Amino acid sequence: MTKDKRKLRAQVKSRFYYLFWGAATVSVFAGQLYVGSGYRQMSRSFNRIMDAIVVELVPPRHPMMIPPQADKDPIQYIND
Protein backbone atom coordinates (compact mmCIF):
# COMPACT_ATOMS: atom_id res chain seq x y z
CA MET A 1 0.00 0.00 0.00
CA THR A 2 2.86 2.36 0.76
CA LYS A 3 4.26 1.82 -2.72
CA ASP A 4 0.96 2.88 -4.32
CA LYS A 5 0.83 6.08 -2.25
CA ARG A 6 4.39 6.98 -3.23
CA LYS A 7 3.64 6.37 -6.91
CA LEU A 8 0.51 8.52 -6.71
CA ARG A 9 2.41 11.34 -4.99
CA ALA A 10 5.01 11.42 -7.77
CA GLN A 11 2.28 12.20 -10.31
CA VAL A 12 0.92 15.23 -8.45
CA LYS A 13 2.22 18.52 -9.84
CA SER A 14 2.68 21.62 -7.74
CA ARG A 15 0.93 24.85 -8.67
CA PHE A 16 4.28 26.37 -9.64
CA TYR A 17 4.60 23.79 -12.40
CA TYR A 18 1.33 24.94 -13.93
CA LEU A 19 2.16 28.62 -13.41
CA PHE A 20 5.52 28.18 -15.13
CA TRP A 21 4.13 26.38 -18.17
CA GLY A 22 1.15 28.72 -18.37
CA ALA A 23 3.45 31.75 -18.35
CA ALA A 24 5.72 30.12 -20.94
CA THR A 25 2.74 29.41 -23.20
CA VAL A 26 1.42 32.97 -22.89
CA SER A 27 4.85 34.46 -23.61
CA VAL A 28 5.36 32.30 -26.73
CA PHE A 29 1.88 33.24 -27.97
CA ALA A 30 2.55 36.96 -27.36
CA GLY A 31 5.87 36.69 -29.20
CA GLN A 32 4.16 35.10 -32.18
CA LEU A 33 1.63 37.95 -32.30
CA TYR A 34 4.45 40.52 -32.11
CA VAL A 35 6.46 38.90 -34.91
CA GLY A 36 3.34 38.46 -37.04
CA SER A 37 2.35 42.12 -36.73
CA GLY A 38 5.91 43.21 -37.61
CA TYR A 39 5.91 40.92 -40.63
CA ARG A 40 2.58 42.36 -41.78
CA GLN A 41 3.92 45.92 -41.46
CA MET A 42 7.11 45.02 -43.36
CA SER A 43 5.05 43.37 -46.10
CA ARG A 44 2.90 46.48 -46.55
CA SER A 45 5.92 48.77 -46.84
CA PHE A 46 7.61 46.35 -49.28
CA ASN A 47 4.47 46.32 -51.43
CA ARG A 48 4.41 50.15 -51.43
CA ILE A 49 8.02 50.22 -52.62
CA MET A 50 7.44 47.61 -55.31
CA ASP A 51 4.35 49.45 -56.60
CA ALA A 52 6.46 52.59 -57.06
CA ILE A 53 9.25 50.88 -59.03
CA VAL A 54 8.92 50.44 -62.78
CA VAL A 55 11.27 47.88 -64.29
CA GLU A 56 11.99 47.92 -68.01
CA LEU A 57 13.40 44.67 -69.35
CA VAL A 58 15.71 45.03 -72.35
CA PRO A 59 16.66 41.91 -74.25
CA PRO A 60 20.40 41.24 -74.22
CA ARG A 61 22.37 41.97 -77.37
CA HIS A 62 25.80 41.05 -78.60
CA PRO A 63 28.39 43.83 -78.00
CA MET A 64 29.42 43.83 -81.67
CA MET A 65 25.89 44.55 -82.90
CA ILE A 66 24.81 48.05 -83.84
CA PRO A 67 22.22 49.33 -81.35
CA PRO A 68 18.81 49.89 -82.92
CA GLN A 69 17.90 53.53 -83.50
CA ALA A 70 14.22 54.22 -84.12
CA ASP A 71 14.79 57.75 -85.38
CA LYS A 72 17.61 56.92 -87.82
CA ASP A 73 17.78 54.99 -91.04
CA PRO A 74 20.05 51.91 -90.56
CA ILE A 75 22.01 52.66 -93.72
CA GLN A 76 22.60 56.26 -92.71
CA TYR A 77 23.67 55.14 -89.21
CA ILE A 78 26.38 52.90 -90.64
CA ASN A 79 27.69 55.75 -92.82
CA ASP A 80 28.00 58.18 -89.89
PDB file of N, CA and C in Angstrom:
ATOM      1  N   MET A   1       0.810  -1.188   0.000  1.00  0.00           N
ATOM      2  CA  MET A   1       0.000   0.000   0.000  1.00  0.00           C
ATOM      3  C   MET A   1       0.860   1.260   0.000  1.00  0.00           C
ATOM      4  N   THR A   2       1.974   1.207   0.679  1.00  0.00           N
ATOM      5  CA  THR A   2       2.858   2.363   0.763  1.00  0.00           C
ATOM      6  C   THR A   2       3.440   2.676  -0.618  1.00  0.00           C
ATOM      7  N   LYS A   3       3.709   1.642  -1.391  1.00  0.00           N
ATOM      8  CA  LYS A   3       4.261   1.820  -2.725  1.00  0.00           C
ATOM      9  C   LYS A   3       3.266   2.553  -3.630  1.00  0.00           C
ATOM     10  N   ASP A   4       1.991   2.224  -3.510  1.00  0.00           N
ATOM     11  CA  ASP A   4       0.960   2.882  -4.317  1.00  0.00           C
ATOM     12  C   ASP A   4       0.835   4.355  -3.964  1.00  0.00           C
ATOM     13  N   LYS A   5       0.922   4.682  -2.679  1.00  0.00           N
ATOM     14  CA  LYS A   5       0.826   6.084  -2.254  1.00  0.00           C
ATOM     15  C   LYS A   5       2.019   6.888  -2.774  1.00  0.00           C
ATOM     16  N   ARG A   6       3.204   6.294  -2.741  1.00  0.00           N
ATOM     17  CA  ARG A   6       4.392   6.977  -3.228  1.00  0.00           C
ATOM     18  C   ARG A   6       4.301   7.205  -4.740  1.00  0.00           C
ATOM     19  N   LYS A   7       3.799   6.252  -5.475  1.00  0.00           N
ATOM     20  CA  LYS A   7       3.635   6.372  -6.914  1.00  0.00           C
ATOM     21  C   LYS A   7       2.607   7.451  -7.245  1.00  0.00           C
ATOM     22  N   LEU A   8       1.540   7.513  -6.507  1.00  0.00           N
ATOM     23  CA  LEU A   8       0.513   8.516  -6.711  1.00  0.00           C
ATOM     24  C   LEU A   8       1.067   9.906  -6.409  1.00  0.00           C
ATOM     25  N   ARG A   9       1.846  10.042  -5.374  1.00  0.00           N
ATOM     26  CA  ARG A   9       2.406  11.339  -4.985  1.00  0.00           C
ATOM     27  C   ARG A   9       3.378  11.855  -6.066  1.00  0.00           C
ATOM     28  N   ALA A  10       4.062  11.000  -6.750  1.00  0.00           N
ATOM     29  CA  ALA A  10       5.010  11.416  -7.774  1.00  0.00           C
ATOM     30  C   ALA A  10       4.290  12.027  -8.982  1.00  0.00           C
ATOM     31  N   GLN A  11       3.039  11.692  -9.175  1.00  0.00           N
ATOM     32  CA  GLN A  11       2.285  12.201 -10.315  1.00  0.00           C
ATOM     33  C   GLN A  11       1.616  13.540 -10.024  1.00  0.00           C
ATOM     34  N   VAL A  12       1.584  13.973  -8.810  1.00  0.00           N
ATOM     35  CA  VAL A  12       0.924  15.233  -8.445  1.00  0.00           C
ATOM     36  C   VAL A  12       1.882  16.384  -8.743  1.00  0.00           C
ATOM     37  N   LYS A  13       1.391  17.373  -9.480  1.00  0.00           N
ATOM     38  CA  LYS A  13       2.217  18.523  -9.838  1.00  0.00           C
ATOM     39  C   LYS A  13       1.905  19.680  -8.895  1.00  0.00           C
ATOM     40  N   SER A  14       2.911  20.454  -8.593  1.00  0.00           N
ATOM     41  CA  SER A  14       2.677  21.617  -7.744  1.00  0.00           C
ATOM     42  C   SER A  14       2.086  22.743  -8.583  1.00  0.00           C
ATOM     43  N   ARG A  15       1.545  23.749  -7.926  1.00  0.00           N
ATOM     44  CA  ARG A  15       0.929  24.847  -8.669  1.00  0.00           C
ATOM     45  C   ARG A  15       1.985  25.658  -9.417  1.00  0.00           C
ATOM     46  N   PHE A  16       3.231  25.648  -8.947  1.00  0.00           N
ATOM     47  CA  PHE A  16       4.283  26.372  -9.645  1.00  0.00           C
ATOM     48  C   PHE A  16       4.583  25.761 -11.010  1.00  0.00           C
ATOM     49  N   TYR A  17       4.427  24.479 -11.122  1.00  0.00           N
ATOM     50  CA  TYR A  17       4.603  23.792 -12.402  1.00  0.00           C
ATOM     51  C   TYR A  17       3.611  24.350 -13.420  1.00  0.00           C
ATOM     52  N   TYR A  18       2.357  24.448 -13.024  1.00  0.00           N
ATOM     53  CA  TYR A  18       1.326  24.940 -13.930  1.00  0.00           C
ATOM     54  C   TYR A  18       1.495  26.434 -14.194  1.00  0.00           C
ATOM     55  N   LEU A  19       1.910  27.185 -13.206  1.00  0.00           N
ATOM     56  CA  LEU A  19       2.157  28.616 -13.410  1.00  0.00           C
ATOM     57  C   LEU A  19       3.309  28.829 -14.396  1.00  0.00           C
ATOM     58  N   PHE A  20       4.373  28.049 -14.234  1.00  0.00           N
ATOM     59  CA  PHE A  20       5.515  28.176 -15.132  1.00  0.00           C
ATOM     60  C   PHE A  20       5.119  27.882 -16.572  1.00  0.00           C
ATOM     61  N   TRP A  21       4.483  26.740 -16.799  1.00  0.00           N
ATOM     62  CA  TRP A  21       4.134  26.378 -18.170  1.00  0.00           C
ATOM     63  C   TRP A  21       3.033  27.268 -18.730  1.00  0.00           C
ATOM     64  N   GLY A  22       2.149  27.755 -17.913  1.00  0.00           N
ATOM     65  CA  GLY A  22       1.149  28.717 -18.369  1.00  0.00           C
ATOM     66  C   GLY A  22       1.799  30.023 -18.797  1.00  0.00           C
ATOM     67  N   ALA A  23       2.750  30.515 -17.996  1.00  0.00           N
ATOM     68  CA  ALA A  23       3.455  31.746 -18.355  1.00  0.00           C
ATOM     69  C   ALA A  23       4.290  31.547 -19.614  1.00  0.00           C
ATOM     70  N   ALA A  24       4.924  30.398 -19.745  1.00  0.00           N
ATOM     71  CA  ALA A  24       5.718  30.119 -20.938  1.00  0.00           C
ATOM     72  C   ALA A  24       4.827  30.089 -22.187  1.00  0.00           C
ATOM     73  N   THR A  25       3.668  29.488 -22.071  1.00  0.00           N
ATOM     74  CA  THR A  25       2.738  29.413 -23.202  1.00  0.00           C
ATOM     75  C   THR A  25       2.255  30.801 -23.598  1.00  0.00           C
ATOM     76  N   VAL A  26       1.900  31.612 -22.610  1.00  0.00           N
ATOM     77  CA  VAL A  26       1.422  32.969 -22.893  1.00  0.00           C
ATOM     78  C   VAL A  26       2.534  33.806 -23.530  1.00  0.00           C
ATOM     79  N   SER A  27       3.766  33.665 -23.046  1.00  0.00           N
ATOM     80  CA  SER A  27       4.851  34.463 -23.611  1.00  0.00           C
ATOM     81  C   SER A  27       5.173  34.046 -25.049  1.00  0.00           C
ATOM     82  N   VAL A  28       5.119  32.765 -25.354  1.00  0.00           N
ATOM     83  CA  VAL A  28       5.358  32.304 -26.727  1.00  0.00           C
ATOM     84  C   VAL A  28       4.247  32.815 -27.639  1.00  0.00           C
ATOM     85  N   PHE A  29       3.015  32.759 -27.184  1.00  0.00           N
ATOM     86  CA  PHE A  29       1.877  33.239 -27.970  1.00  0.00           C
ATOM     87  C   PHE A  29       2.003  34.744 -28.229  1.00  0.00           C
ATOM     88  N   ALA A  30       2.376  35.510 -27.198  1.00  0.00           N
ATOM     89  CA  ALA A  30       2.546  36.955 -27.358  1.00  0.00           C
ATOM     90  C   ALA A  30       3.691  37.261 -28.327  1.00  0.00           C
ATOM     91  N   GLY A  31       4.755  36.503 -28.266  1.00  0.00           N
ATOM     92  CA  GLY A  31       5.868  36.688 -29.202  1.00  0.00           C
ATOM     93  C   GLY A  31       5.456  36.424 -30.635  1.00  0.00           C
ATOM     94  N   GLN A  32       4.641  35.403 -30.836  1.00  0.00           N
ATOM     95  CA  GLN A  32       4.159  35.098 -32.181  1.00  0.00           C
ATOM     96  C   GLN A  32       3.293  36.239 -32.720  1.00  0.00           C
ATOM     97  N   LEU A  33       2.451  36.811 -31.876  1.00  0.00           N
ATOM     98  CA  LEU A  33       1.634  37.948 -32.297  1.00  0.00           C
ATOM     99  C   LEU A  33       2.515  39.147 -32.656  1.00  0.00           C
ATOM    100  N   TYR A  34       3.545  39.394 -31.859  1.00  0.00           N
ATOM    101  CA  TYR A  34       4.449  40.516 -32.105  1.00  0.00           C
ATOM    102  C   TYR A  34       5.195  40.339 -33.428  1.00  0.00           C
ATOM    103  N   VAL A  35       5.728  39.159 -33.661  1.00  0.00           N
ATOM    104  CA  VAL A  35       6.459  38.897 -34.910  1.00  0.00           C
ATOM    105  C   VAL A  35       5.511  38.962 -36.104  1.00  0.00           C
ATOM    106  N   GLY A  36       4.317  38.429 -35.947  1.00  0.00           N
ATOM    107  CA  GLY A  36       3.342  38.463 -37.040  1.00  0.00           C
ATOM    108  C   GLY A  36       2.935  39.872 -37.413  1.00  0.00           C
ATOM    109  N   SER A  37       2.736  40.736 -36.417  1.00  0.00           N
ATOM    110  CA  SER A  37       2.354  42.115 -36.725  1.00  0.00           C
ATOM    111  C   SER A  37       3.517  42.850 -37.389  1.00  0.00           C
ATOM    112  N   GLY A  38       4.749  42.593 -36.964  1.00  0.00           N
ATOM    113  CA  GLY A  38       5.907  43.210 -37.605  1.00  0.00           C
ATOM    114  C   GLY A  38       6.071  42.739 -39.033  1.00  0.00           C
ATOM    115  N   TYR A  39       5.824  41.461 -39.276  1.00  0.00           N
ATOM    116  CA  TYR A  39       5.912  40.924 -40.633  1.00  0.00           C
ATOM    117  C   TYR A  39       4.858  41.565 -41.533  1.00  0.00           C
ATOM    118  N   ARG A  40       3.650  41.745 -41.006  1.00  0.00           N
ATOM    119  CA  ARG A  40       2.583  42.360 -41.784  1.00  0.00           C
ATOM    120  C   ARG A  40       2.948  43.800 -42.148  1.00  0.00           C
ATOM    121  N   GLN A  41       3.511  44.541 -41.207  1.00  0.00           N
ATOM    122  CA  GLN A  41       3.925  45.916 -41.461  1.00  0.00           C
ATOM    123  C   GLN A  41       5.047  45.965 -42.503  1.00  0.00           C
ATOM    124  N   MET A  42       6.019  45.064 -42.398  1.00  0.00           N
ATOM    125  CA  MET A  42       7.108  45.015 -43.362  1.00  0.00           C
ATOM    126  C   MET A  42       6.579  44.671 -44.755  1.00  0.00           C
ATOM    127  N   SER A  43       5.623  43.768 -44.824  1.00  0.00           N
ATOM    128  CA  SER A  43       5.052  43.370 -46.104  1.00  0.00           C
ATOM    129  C   SER A  43       4.330  44.542 -46.766  1.00  0.00           C
ATOM    130  N   ARG A  44       3.601  45.316 -45.981  1.00  0.00           N
ATOM    131  CA  ARG A  44       2.904  46.479 -46.546  1.00  0.00           C
ATOM    132  C   ARG A  44       3.888  47.496 -47.101  1.00  0.00           C
ATOM    133  N   SER A  45       4.955  47.785 -46.360  1.00  0.00           N
ATOM    134  CA  SER A  45       5.921  48.773 -46.844  1.00  0.00           C
ATOM    135  C   SER A  45       6.667  48.241 -48.070  1.00  0.00           C
ATOM    136  N   PHE A  46       6.962  46.947 -48.105  1.00  0.00           N
ATOM    137  CA  PHE A  46       7.611  46.355 -49.277  1.00  0.00           C
ATOM    138  C   PHE A  46       6.702  46.456 -50.501  1.00  0.00           C
ATOM    139  N   ASN A  47       5.409  46.210 -50.317  1.00  0.00           N
ATOM    140  CA  ASN A  47       4.466  46.325 -51.430  1.00  0.00           C
ATOM    141  C   ASN A  47       4.369  47.758 -51.929  1.00  0.00           C
ATOM    142  N   ARG A  48       4.425  48.739 -51.013  1.00  0.00           N
ATOM    143  CA  ARG A  48       4.413  50.146 -51.428  1.00  0.00           C
ATOM    144  C   ARG A  48       5.640  50.467 -52.268  1.00  0.00           C
ATOM    145  N   ILE A  49       6.787  49.968 -51.869  1.00  0.00           N
ATOM    146  CA  ILE A  49       8.022  50.225 -52.617  1.00  0.00           C
ATOM    147  C   ILE A  49       7.952  49.569 -53.993  1.00  0.00           C
ATOM    148  N   MET A  50       7.494  48.325 -54.036  1.00  0.00           N
ATOM    149  CA  MET A  50       7.438  47.614 -55.313  1.00  0.00           C
ATOM    150  C   MET A  50       6.413  48.218 -56.259  1.00  0.00           C
ATOM    151  N   ASP A  51       5.344  48.803 -55.733  1.00  0.00           N
ATOM    152  CA  ASP A  51       4.351  49.450 -56.598  1.00  0.00           C
ATOM    153  C   ASP A  51       4.913  50.729 -57.209  1.00  0.00           C
ATOM    154  N   ALA A  52       5.889  51.340 -56.563  1.00  0.00           N
ATOM    155  CA  ALA A  52       6.455  52.588 -57.062  1.00  0.00           C
ATOM    156  C   ALA A  52       7.565  52.358 -58.081  1.00  0.00           C
ATOM    157  N   ILE A  53       8.130  51.178 -58.130  1.00  0.00           N
ATOM    158  CA  ILE A  53       9.249  50.885 -59.026  1.00  0.00           C
ATOM    159  C   ILE A  53       8.722  50.366 -60.362  1.00  0.00           C
ATOM    160  N   VAL A  54       9.260  50.922 -61.442  1.00  0.00           N
ATOM    161  CA  VAL A  54       8.918  50.441 -62.780  1.00  0.00           C
ATOM    162  C   VAL A  54      10.190  49.832 -63.361  1.00  0.00           C
ATOM    163  N   VAL A  55      10.113  48.585 -63.751  1.00  0.00           N
ATOM    164  CA  VAL A  55      11.268  47.877 -64.293  1.00  0.00           C
ATOM    165  C   VAL A  55      11.058  47.678 -65.786  1.00  0.00           C
ATOM    166  N   GLU A  56      12.051  48.099 -66.567  1.00  0.00           N
ATOM    167  CA  GLU A  56      11.988  47.915 -68.007  1.00  0.00           C
ATOM    168  C   GLU A  56      12.999  46.841 -68.383  1.00  0.00           C
ATOM    169  N   LEU A  57      12.529  45.772 -68.962  1.00  0.00           N
ATOM    170  CA  LEU A  57      13.397  44.675 -69.354  1.00  0.00           C
ATOM    171  C   LEU A  57      13.836  44.871 -70.797  1.00  0.00           C
ATOM    172  N   VAL A  58      15.137  44.872 -71.013  1.00  0.00           N
ATOM    173  CA  VAL A  58      15.705  45.032 -72.345  1.00  0.00           C
ATOM    174  C   VAL A  58      16.362  43.712 -72.716  1.00  0.00           C
ATOM    175  N   PRO A  59      16.037  43.179 -73.868  1.00  0.00           N
ATOM    176  CA  PRO A  59      16.663  41.906 -74.248  1.00  0.00           C
ATOM    177  C   PRO A  59      18.173  42.091 -74.436  1.00  0.00           C
ATOM    178  N   PRO A  60      18.950  41.112 -74.062  1.00  0.00           N
ATOM    179  CA  PRO A  60      20.403  41.241 -74.216  1.00  0.00           C
ATOM    180  C   PRO A  60      20.800  41.237 -75.693  1.00  0.00           C
ATOM    181  N   ARG A  61      21.878  41.948 -75.988  1.00  0.00           N
ATOM    182  CA  ARG A  61      22.369  41.968 -77.369  1.00  0.00           C
ATOM    183  C   ARG A  61      23.871  41.735 -77.355  1.00  0.00           C
ATOM    184  N   HIS A  62      24.379  41.301 -78.457  1.00  0.00           N
ATOM    185  CA  HIS A  62      25.804  41.051 -78.597  1.00  0.00           C
ATOM    186  C   HIS A  62      26.530  42.393 -78.644  1.00  0.00           C
ATOM    187  N   PRO A  63      27.705  42.534 -78.013  1.00  0.00           N
ATOM    188  CA  PRO A  63      28.393  43.830 -78.004  1.00  0.00           C
ATOM    189  C   PRO A  63      28.853  44.310 -79.373  1.00  0.00           C
ATOM    190  N   MET A  64      28.968  43.431 -80.338  1.00  0.00           N
ATOM    191  CA  MET A  64      29.419  43.832 -81.669  1.00  0.00           C
ATOM    192  C   MET A  64      28.264  44.282 -82.561  1.00  0.00           C
ATOM    193  N   MET A  65      27.043  44.141 -82.093  1.00  0.00           N
ATOM    194  CA  MET A  65      25.891  44.548 -82.896  1.00  0.00           C
ATOM    195  C   MET A  65      25.667  46.045 -82.775  1.00  0.00           C
ATOM    196  N   ILE A  66      25.141  46.634 -83.845  1.00  0.00           N
ATOM    197  CA  ILE A  66      24.808  48.052 -83.840  1.00  0.00           C
ATOM    198  C   ILE A  66      23.505  48.214 -83.060  1.00  0.00           C
ATOM    199  N   PRO A  67      23.455  49.144 -82.102  1.00  0.00           N
ATOM    200  CA  PRO A  67      22.218  49.326 -81.346  1.00  0.00           C
ATOM    201  C   PRO A  67      21.121  49.882 -82.241  1.00  0.00           C
ATOM    202  N   PRO A  68      19.895  49.410 -82.069  1.00  0.00           N
ATOM    203  CA  PRO A  68      18.806  49.889 -82.924  1.00  0.00           C
ATOM    204  C   PRO A  68      18.474  51.349 -82.606  1.00  0.00           C
ATOM    205  N   GLN A  69      18.269  52.130 -83.632  1.00  0.00           N
ATOM    206  CA  GLN A  69      17.896  53.532 -83.496  1.00  0.00           C
ATOM    207  C   GLN A  69      16.571  53.722 -84.225  1.00  0.00           C
ATOM    208  N   ALA A  70      15.539  54.077 -83.513  1.00  0.00           N
ATOM    209  CA  ALA A  70      14.218  54.216 -84.118  1.00  0.00           C
ATOM    210  C   ALA A  70      14.138  55.466 -84.992  1.00  0.00           C
ATOM    211  N   ASP A  71      14.912  56.495 -84.643  1.00  0.00           N
ATOM    212  CA  ASP A  71      14.790  57.750 -85.381  1.00  0.00           C
ATOM    213  C   ASP A  71      15.765  57.845 -86.560  1.00  0.00           C
ATOM    214  N   LYS A  72      16.644  56.867 -86.737  1.00  0.00           N
ATOM    215  CA  LYS A  72      17.612  56.925 -87.824  1.00  0.00           C
ATOM    216  C   LYS A  72      17.416  55.767 -88.794  1.00  0.00           C
ATOM    217  N   ASP A  73      17.787  56.012 -90.007  1.00  0.00           N
ATOM    218  CA  ASP A  73      17.779  54.986 -91.038  1.00  0.00           C
ATOM    219  C   ASP A  73      19.005  54.108 -90.815  1.00  0.00           C
ATOM    220  N   PRO A  74      18.897  52.765 -90.816  1.00  0.00           N
ATOM    221  CA  PRO A  74      20.049  51.911 -90.562  1.00  0.00           C
ATOM    222  C   PRO A  74      21.215  52.148 -91.505  1.00  0.00           C
ATOM    223  N   ILE A  75      20.937  52.421 -92.749  1.00  0.00           N
ATOM    224  CA  ILE A  75      22.010  52.659 -93.716  1.00  0.00           C
ATOM    225  C   ILE A  75      22.734  53.964 -93.380  1.00  0.00           C
ATOM    226  N   GLN A  76      22.003  54.973 -93.054  1.00  0.00           N
ATOM    227  CA  GLN A  76      22.602  56.265 -92.710  1.00  0.00           C
ATOM    228  C   GLN A  76      23.425  56.139 -91.410  1.00  0.00           C
ATOM    229  N   TYR A  77      22.945  55.318 -90.471  1.00  0.00           N
ATOM    230  CA  TYR A  77      23.666  55.140 -89.208  1.00  0.00           C
ATOM    231  C   TYR A  77      25.022  54.502 -89.433  1.00  0.00           C
ATOM    232  N   ILE A  78      25.109  53.567 -90.350  1.00  0.00           N
ATOM    233  CA  ILE A  78      26.379  52.902 -90.640  1.00  0.00           C
ATOM    234  C   ILE A  78      27.341  53.902 -91.283  1.00  0.00           C
ATOM    235  N   ASN A  79      26.846  54.780 -92.120  1.00  0.00           N
ATOM    236  CA  ASN A  79      27.692  55.745 -92.824  1.00  0.00           C
ATOM    237  C   ASN A  79      28.156  56.895 -91.941  1.00  0.00           C
ATOM    238  N   ASP A  80      27.603  57.073 -90.765  1.00  0.00           N
ATOM    239  CA  ASP A  80      28.004  58.183 -89.890  1.00  0.00           C
ATOM    240  C   ASP A  80      29.390  58.043 -89.374  1.00  0.00           C
TER     241      ASP A  80
END
